[in-house]
Protein backbone atom coordinates (compact mmCIF):
# COMPACT_ATOMS: atom_id res chain seq x y z
CA MET A 1 54.70 26.23 25.32
CA GLU A 2 57.02 27.32 28.08
CA ILE A 3 60.76 28.05 27.93
CA VAL A 4 62.65 26.84 31.02
CA TYR A 5 66.23 26.27 32.12
CA LEU A 6 67.77 22.81 31.95
CA ALA A 7 69.12 23.66 35.42
CA ASP A 8 65.54 23.36 36.70
CA HIS A 9 64.87 20.15 34.75
CA GLU A 10 67.97 17.99 35.16
CA ASP A 11 65.84 14.92 34.54
CA GLN A 12 65.73 15.96 30.86
CA ILE A 13 69.50 15.59 30.37
CA PRO A 14 69.27 12.02 29.00
CA LYS A 15 66.70 13.01 26.36
CA VAL A 16 68.58 16.12 25.23
CA ALA A 17 71.83 14.12 25.15
CA GLU A 18 70.10 11.51 22.97
CA TRP A 19 68.89 14.23 20.58
CA TYR A 20 72.34 15.78 20.36
CA PHE A 21 74.02 12.41 19.88
CA ASP A 22 71.61 11.46 17.11
CA GLU A 23 72.09 14.83 15.38
CA TRP A 24 75.79 15.50 15.94
CA GLY A 25 77.32 12.29 17.31
CA HIS A 26 78.91 11.49 13.96
CA LEU A 27 81.17 14.51 14.51
CA LEU A 28 82.68 13.08 17.70
CA GLU A 29 86.16 11.58 17.72
CA ASN A 30 84.71 8.48 19.35
CA PRO A 31 81.07 8.31 18.20
CA LEU A 32 80.44 5.27 20.37
CA ASP A 33 80.83 7.40 23.51
CA ASN A 34 77.92 9.77 24.18
CA ILE A 35 79.77 12.62 25.88
CA PHE A 36 76.75 14.88 25.59
CA VAL A 37 75.50 13.83 29.03
CA SER A 38 78.61 15.19 30.76
CA ARG A 39 78.64 18.27 28.54
CA LEU A 40 75.02 19.01 29.45
CA GLN A 41 75.75 18.53 33.15
CA SER A 42 78.24 21.40 32.86
CA CYS A 43 75.42 23.59 31.47
CA LEU A 44 73.21 23.57 34.57
CA ASN A 45 73.50 27.33 34.90
CA LYS A 46 71.12 30.29 34.81
CA THR A 47 73.42 33.27 35.34
CA LYS A 48 76.65 32.17 33.64
CA PHE A 49 77.72 30.25 30.57
CA PRO A 50 77.36 27.64 29.26
CA LEU A 51 73.64 27.28 29.79
CA VAL A 52 70.80 25.37 28.17
CA ILE A 53 67.12 26.20 27.84
CA LEU A 54 64.27 23.87 26.96
CA ALA A 55 60.91 24.30 25.25
CA ILE A 56 58.28 22.23 27.02
CA ASP A 57 54.54 21.79 26.71
CA GLY A 58 53.17 20.20 29.85
CA GLU A 59 55.33 17.12 30.33
CA GLU A 60 56.41 17.02 26.68
CA LEU A 61 59.93 18.14 25.77
CA LEU A 62 59.84 19.99 22.44
CA GLY A 63 63.35 21.35 21.94
CA ALA A 64 66.54 22.78 23.35
CA ALA A 65 69.05 25.58 22.76
CA GLN A 66 72.21 26.78 24.45
CA ILE A 67 74.77 29.49 24.81
CA LYS A 68 78.31 28.18 24.67
CA LEU A 69 81.63 29.90 25.11
CA ASN A 70 84.26 29.97 22.35
CA GLN A 71 82.60 27.29 20.23
CA MET A 72 84.86 27.66 17.19
CA SER A 73 88.57 27.60 17.94
CA ILE A 74 89.33 29.49 14.71
CA TYR A 75 87.55 32.52 16.21
CA PRO A 76 89.22 33.15 19.58
CA ASN A 77 87.68 36.64 19.84
CA LYS A 78 84.10 35.45 19.36
CA GLU A 79 83.10 34.47 22.86
CA HIS A 80 79.35 33.81 23.06
CA TRP A 81 77.70 31.32 20.71
CA LEU A 82 74.12 30.25 20.12
CA ALA A 83 74.36 26.49 19.71
CA GLY A 84 72.58 23.19 20.06
CA ILE A 85 69.29 24.35 18.57
CA TYR A 86 67.27 21.16 18.32
CA VAL A 87 63.53 20.63 17.95
CA GLU A 88 61.91 17.22 18.13
CA PRO A 89 60.96 16.43 14.50
CA LYS A 90 57.22 16.16 15.16
CA TYR A 91 57.21 19.74 16.53
CA ARG A 92 59.20 21.39 13.73
CA GLY A 93 57.42 24.12 11.82
CA ASN A 94 55.58 25.33 14.93
CA ASN A 95 57.90 28.25 15.88
CA VAL A 96 59.64 26.26 18.60
CA ALA A 97 63.13 27.04 17.26
CA ALA A 98 62.28 30.72 16.79
CA SER A 99 60.95 30.90 20.36
CA LEU A 100 64.11 29.25 21.72
CA ILE A 101 66.35 31.63 19.76
CA LYS A 102 64.44 34.71 20.91
CA ARG A 103 64.62 33.56 24.54
CA ILE A 104 68.36 32.87 24.25
CA GLN A 105 68.81 36.43 22.97
CA GLU A 106 66.84 37.82 25.93
CA ILE A 107 68.94 35.81 28.38
CA ALA A 108 72.15 36.95 26.69
CA ILE A 109 71.08 40.60 26.95
CA THR A 110 70.28 40.13 30.65
CA LEU A 111 73.77 38.66 31.15
CA ARG A 112 75.36 41.62 29.34
CA VAL A 113 76.33 39.85 26.11
CA GLU A 114 76.70 42.37 23.29
CA THR A 115 77.04 39.97 20.35
CA LEU A 116 76.04 36.36 19.80
CA HIS A 117 77.55 34.16 17.09
CA LEU A 118 76.45 30.89 15.53
CA GLN A 119 77.41 28.42 12.86
CA THR A 120 74.96 26.71 10.54
CA GLU A 121 75.25 24.20 7.75
CA ASP A 122 72.43 26.06 5.98
CA LEU A 123 74.62 28.36 3.90
CA SER A 124 71.64 30.60 3.12
CA GLY A 125 71.27 31.42 6.82
CA GLY A 126 67.75 29.94 6.85
CA LEU A 127 65.73 30.74 9.96
CA TYR A 128 68.59 32.71 11.47
CA ALA A 129 68.62 35.16 8.56
CA LYS A 130 64.85 35.58 8.92
CA LEU A 131 65.39 36.42 12.61
CA GLY A 132 67.92 39.17 11.84
CA TRP A 133 71.23 37.31 12.07
CA LYS A 134 73.89 38.61 9.69
CA PRO A 135 76.38 36.43 7.79
CA ASP A 136 80.05 36.88 8.69
CA GLU A 137 81.58 34.33 6.35
CA CYS A 138 81.44 30.78 5.06
CA VAL A 139 84.23 28.53 6.28
CA ASN A 140 85.13 24.88 6.30
CA PHE A 141 85.35 23.85 9.95
CA ARG A 142 86.12 20.25 10.87
CA ASN A 143 85.52 19.23 7.26
CA ILE A 144 82.04 20.79 7.13
CA ASP A 145 81.07 23.93 5.21
CA VAL A 146 79.29 26.30 7.58
CA MET A 147 78.01 29.85 7.56
CA VAL A 148 79.19 31.84 10.58
CA MET A 149 76.65 34.46 11.58
CA SER A 150 76.39 37.14 14.26
CA LYS A 151 73.72 39.21 15.91
CA ARG A 152 74.38 42.40 17.80
CA LEU A 153 72.06 42.52 20.82
CA ASN A 154 70.46 45.68 22.13
CA ALA A 155 70.30 46.06 25.88
């Protein structure tokens, strides 16, 4: 498995957009319009945010992750967010998500991010808690209960 930038694999935008739409499209104001393609096109970065990374094995796309800016409007002071963690169902349980998260953290450190934040519907913290993320609080955001978590990064 290799972790690469979406910026180097633009041809994968339609597949990642399809994943995101299938997973989170129901949260869109107009769920008939897949806006994830245009959102992903704005993430074709390597040295600034937002950016997306992909897990690939040969020609097979396994998963994706991203760093977004100011993901939750109720937290204006929390700038950098781990988001869009998605692993193709047949590859789940094979450390793909953990590898993506670890690589995102490395990239964030390189780009001088001190703290990353995330939101998860798994109120126990799940994989994130196992990887050292700390809970901040549980909130209801856009009618969904989520755990907001943070991780202080060491440069």
